[in-house]
Amino acid sequence: MKTQTIWLARHGYRLDFAQPSWFETATYPYDPPLANLGEHQAQDLANRLRQEQISQIFCSPYLRAVQTGTRVAQNLNQPIKLEPGLREWLNPAWSPSLPSLTPRAALIGAYPQIDQTYQPLCEPAYPESEGELYHRTARVIQILSDRYPEQQILIITHAMAIQGLTWGILPHRPPINTSCCALVKLVKERDQWHLDLAGDTSHLRMLTP
């Protein structure tokens, strides 16, 4: 039977959640790295996925997602593709302008797993409504599922984006746990998508600080 699997995971716990004062002096205050807890969660996620036959890894270009994806990529010996269409929701209530991120050159220098040849699918515009977020994430997951049939894909992104990606192929909009490094598993069999995991956290040793 021909199947396709898409795994979705949120990045690990972020530094500005653990140390709110970090935001005040950061060069890129809307692009925090992982906290120590987040690093442990990312490694737990990598260990959980070690035996899966994942052949494509896509990450939001935010630092915390790249750091999470790198842990998995190292275990699987796979590159990671930075996709702007997987960005955090560009909600004007969260930031007064388009958030500045760690420059791509700096990311490539620090994380050699990044695929420098990858061509992005889309670049979201600021500001963005909730409906626009869901539209772009639905578009991204449809393109990826069409482009990589019969493969296992991993997408590492943000809470609202995970919800949008899931709902992009499951229009009945099931409830999803989008806590840090929780796993969503979507499987396509006989041209029908179904939800195998709705945000599993059983692989994580630490859920909260």
Protein backbone atom coordinates (compact mmCIF):
# COMPACT_ATOMS: atom_id res chain seq x y z
CA MET A 1 0.00 0.00 0.00
CA LYS A 2 1.37 3.41 -0.97
CA THR A 3 1.54 5.79 1.98
CA GLN A 4 2.83 9.23 2.74
CA THR A 5 3.66 10.56 6.20
CA ILE A 6 4.05 14.15 7.34
CA TRP A 7 5.42 14.78 10.82
CA LEU A 8 4.90 18.19 12.43
CA ALA A 9 6.74 19.44 15.51
CA ARG A 10 6.94 22.73 17.30
CA HIS A 11 10.39 24.05 18.24
CA GLY A 12 11.70 23.56 21.77
CA TYR A 13 11.19 25.89 24.73
CA ARG A 14 12.59 29.35 23.93
CA LEU A 15 15.05 31.44 25.92
CA ASP A 16 12.84 34.50 26.31
CA PHE A 17 10.21 32.36 28.03
CA ALA A 18 12.82 31.21 30.54
CA GLN A 19 14.52 34.63 30.83
CA PRO A 20 12.07 37.42 29.89
CA SER A 21 14.74 40.10 30.40
CA TRP A 22 16.71 38.66 27.44
CA PHE A 23 14.31 40.47 25.10
CA GLU A 24 15.38 43.91 26.35
CA THR A 25 18.99 43.69 25.12
CA ALA A 26 18.79 41.15 22.28
CA THR A 27 19.99 42.04 18.77
CA TYR A 28 17.06 40.07 17.33
CA PRO A 29 14.49 40.16 20.14
CA TYR A 30 11.83 38.32 18.12
CA ASP A 31 14.24 35.52 17.21
CA PRO A 32 15.29 33.93 20.51
CA PRO A 33 17.37 30.75 20.70
CA LEU A 34 16.37 27.69 22.65
CA ALA A 35 16.56 27.69 26.44
CA ASN A 36 18.38 24.81 28.12
CA LEU A 37 15.04 23.05 28.49
CA GLY A 38 14.41 23.54 24.78
CA GLU A 39 17.77 21.96 23.94
CA HIS A 40 16.83 18.89 25.96
CA GLN A 41 13.41 18.74 24.29
CA ALA A 42 15.01 19.00 20.84
CA GLN A 43 17.31 16.10 21.64
CA ASP A 44 14.39 14.03 22.91
CA LEU A 45 12.58 14.78 19.65
CA ALA A 46 15.65 13.76 17.65
CA ASN A 47 15.91 10.50 19.58
CA ARG A 48 12.21 9.78 19.00
CA LEU A 49 12.56 10.24 15.24
CA ARG A 50 15.88 8.44 14.86
CA GLN A 51 14.31 5.24 13.52
CA GLU A 52 11.79 6.91 11.21
CA GLN A 53 12.41 6.96 7.47
CA ILE A 54 12.31 10.74 7.16
CA SER A 55 13.82 11.95 3.89
CA GLN A 56 12.91 15.65 3.90
CA ILE A 57 13.23 18.15 6.77
CA PHE A 58 11.73 21.63 6.51
CA CYS A 59 12.16 24.34 9.14
CA SER A 60 10.90 27.78 9.87
CA PRO A 61 13.83 30.23 9.45
CA TYR A 62 13.57 31.32 13.11
CA LEU A 63 16.62 30.41 15.17
CA ARG A 64 14.73 28.26 17.67
CA ALA A 65 13.27 26.14 14.86
CA VAL A 66 16.65 25.79 13.13
CA GLN A 67 18.27 24.68 16.38
CA THR A 68 15.52 22.12 16.95
CA GLY A 69 15.69 20.87 13.37
CA THR A 70 19.47 20.59 13.52
CA ARG A 71 19.28 18.05 16.34
CA VAL A 72 16.98 15.85 14.27
CA ALA A 73 18.97 16.36 11.07
CA GLN A 74 22.19 15.27 12.77
CA ASN A 75 20.57 12.03 13.93
CA LEU A 76 19.09 11.30 10.51
CA ASN A 77 22.05 12.57 8.48
CA GLN A 78 19.72 14.78 6.45
CA PRO A 79 19.90 18.45 5.43
CA ILE A 80 17.33 20.97 6.58
CA LYS A 81 15.50 23.31 4.24
CA LEU A 82 14.59 26.77 5.52
CA GLU A 83 11.09 27.66 4.33
CA PRO A 84 9.77 31.21 4.94
CA GLY A 85 6.23 29.90 4.46
CA LEU A 86 6.65 28.18 7.83
CA ARG A 87 7.35 31.42 9.70
CA GLU A 88 5.64 32.38 12.91
CA TRP A 89 2.25 34.08 12.50
CA LEU A 90 3.02 37.69 11.54
CA ASN A 91 0.49 39.06 13.97
CA PRO A 92 0.78 42.86 14.41
CA ALA A 93 -0.29 42.47 18.05
CA TRP A 94 2.89 40.46 18.66
CA SER A 95 5.43 42.70 16.90
CA PRO A 96 5.15 46.28 15.56
CA SER A 97 6.82 45.40 12.24
CA LEU A 98 8.15 42.41 10.32
CA PRO A 99 10.41 40.63 12.84
CA SER A 100 14.12 40.73 11.99
CA LEU A 101 15.69 37.29 12.13
CA THR A 102 19.23 36.01 12.49
CA PRO A 103 20.79 36.56 9.03
CA ARG A 104 20.84 33.56 6.73
CA ALA A 105 24.64 33.74 6.35
CA ALA A 106 25.05 33.53 10.12
CA LEU A 107 22.70 30.54 10.30
CA ILE A 108 24.57 28.74 7.51
CA GLY A 109 27.87 29.40 9.25
CA ALA A 110 26.60 28.00 12.54
CA TYR A 111 24.46 25.14 11.20
CA PRO A 112 26.05 23.38 8.21
CA GLN A 113 23.04 21.06 7.92
CA ILE A 114 21.19 23.89 6.15
CA ASP A 115 20.62 23.17 2.46
CA GLN A 116 21.99 26.23 0.67
CA THR A 117 20.46 25.21 -2.68
CA TYR A 118 16.84 25.10 -1.49
CA GLN A 119 14.46 27.53 -3.21
CA PRO A 120 11.64 28.76 -0.88
CA LEU A 121 7.99 28.24 -1.74
CA CYS A 122 6.63 31.55 -0.45
CA GLU A 123 7.42 34.63 1.62
CA PRO A 124 4.57 35.78 3.87
CA ALA A 125 3.77 39.48 4.09
CA TYR A 126 3.43 41.55 7.26
CA PRO A 127 0.92 42.14 8.78
CA GLU A 128 -0.98 38.89 8.54
CA SER A 129 -4.46 37.96 9.73
CA GLU A 130 -5.23 34.59 11.27
CA GLY A 131 -7.04 33.61 8.08
CA GLU A 132 -4.02 34.58 5.98
CA LEU A 133 -1.80 32.43 8.20
CA TYR A 134 -4.07 29.44 7.65
CA HIS A 135 -4.16 30.09 3.91
CA ARG A 136 -0.38 30.17 3.53
CA THR A 137 0.26 27.13 5.72
CA ALA A 138 -2.39 25.17 3.83
CA ARG A 139 -0.66 26.15 0.60
CA VAL A 140 2.75 25.06 1.90
CA ILE A 141 1.62 21.64 3.10
CA GLN A 142 -0.28 20.96 -0.12
CA ILE A 143 2.77 21.81 -2.22
CA LEU A 144 5.07 19.67 -0.09
CA SER A 145 2.71 16.70 -0.05
CA ASP A 146 2.41 16.89 -3.85
CA ARG A 147 6.14 17.36 -4.37
CA TYR A 148 7.26 14.45 -2.16
CA PRO A 149 4.72 11.62 -2.60
CA GLU A 150 5.35 8.33 -0.80
CA GLN A 151 7.98 9.95 1.43
CA GLN A 152 8.20 10.89 5.08
CA ILE A 153 8.46 14.64 5.63
CA LEU A 154 9.28 16.46 8.88
CA ILE A 155 8.22 20.07 9.38
CA ILE A 156 9.48 22.06 12.38
CA THR A 157 7.64 25.31 12.95
CA HIS A 158 5.45 27.22 15.43
CA ALA A 159 2.25 26.55 17.33
CA MET A 160 -0.24 28.42 15.12
CA ALA A 161 1.49 27.23 11.96
CA ILE A 162 1.21 23.60 13.09
CA GLN A 163 -2.50 24.10 13.56
CA GLY A 164 -2.76 25.68 10.11
CA LEU A 165 -0.72 22.95 8.44
CA THR A 166 -2.85 20.22 10.00
CA TRP A 167 -6.10 21.92 9.10
CA GLY A 168 -4.79 22.47 5.58
CA ILE A 169 -5.26 18.78 4.84
CA LEU A 170 -7.82 17.86 7.50
CA PRO A 171 -10.67 20.34 6.89
CA HIS A 172 -12.71 19.10 9.86
CA ARG A 173 -10.08 20.90 11.99
CA PRO A 174 -9.33 18.42 14.78
CA PRO A 175 -7.90 19.75 18.07
CA ILE A 176 -4.10 19.60 18.19
CA ASN A 177 -1.63 19.84 21.08
CA THR A 178 1.00 22.34 19.95
CA SER A 179 3.23 22.38 23.03
CA CYS A 180 7.00 22.49 22.55
CA CYS A 181 8.39 19.51 20.61
CA ALA A 182 5.02 17.71 20.60
CA LEU A 183 4.59 15.45 17.56
CA VAL A 184 1.74 15.49 15.06
CA LYS A 185 1.66 12.61 12.58
CA LEU A 186 -0.42 12.78 9.42
CA VAL A 187 -0.67 9.72 7.20
CA LYS A 188 -2.11 9.45 3.71
CA GLU A 189 -3.43 6.05 2.62
CA ARG A 190 -5.55 5.41 -0.45
CA ASP A 191 -5.65 9.16 -1.13
CA GLN A 192 -7.15 9.82 2.32
CA TRP A 193 -5.38 11.73 5.08
CA HIS A 194 -5.86 10.77 8.72
CA LEU A 195 -4.40 11.88 12.04
CA ASP A 196 -2.22 9.30 13.82
CA LEU A 197 -0.77 11.59 16.50
CA ALA A 198 -2.39 14.85 17.60
CA GLY A 199 0.55 16.33 19.51
CA ASP A 200 2.20 13.43 21.35
CA THR A 201 4.66 14.32 24.12
CA SER A 202 5.44 10.85 25.48
CA HIS A 203 9.03 11.11 24.17
CA LEU A 204 9.80 14.21 26.23
CA ARG A 205 11.46 13.85 29.61
CA MET A 206 10.69 17.47 30.56
CA LEU A 207 7.57 19.34 29.45
CA THR A 208 7.84 22.55 31.47
CA PRO A 209 10.52 24.41 33.45
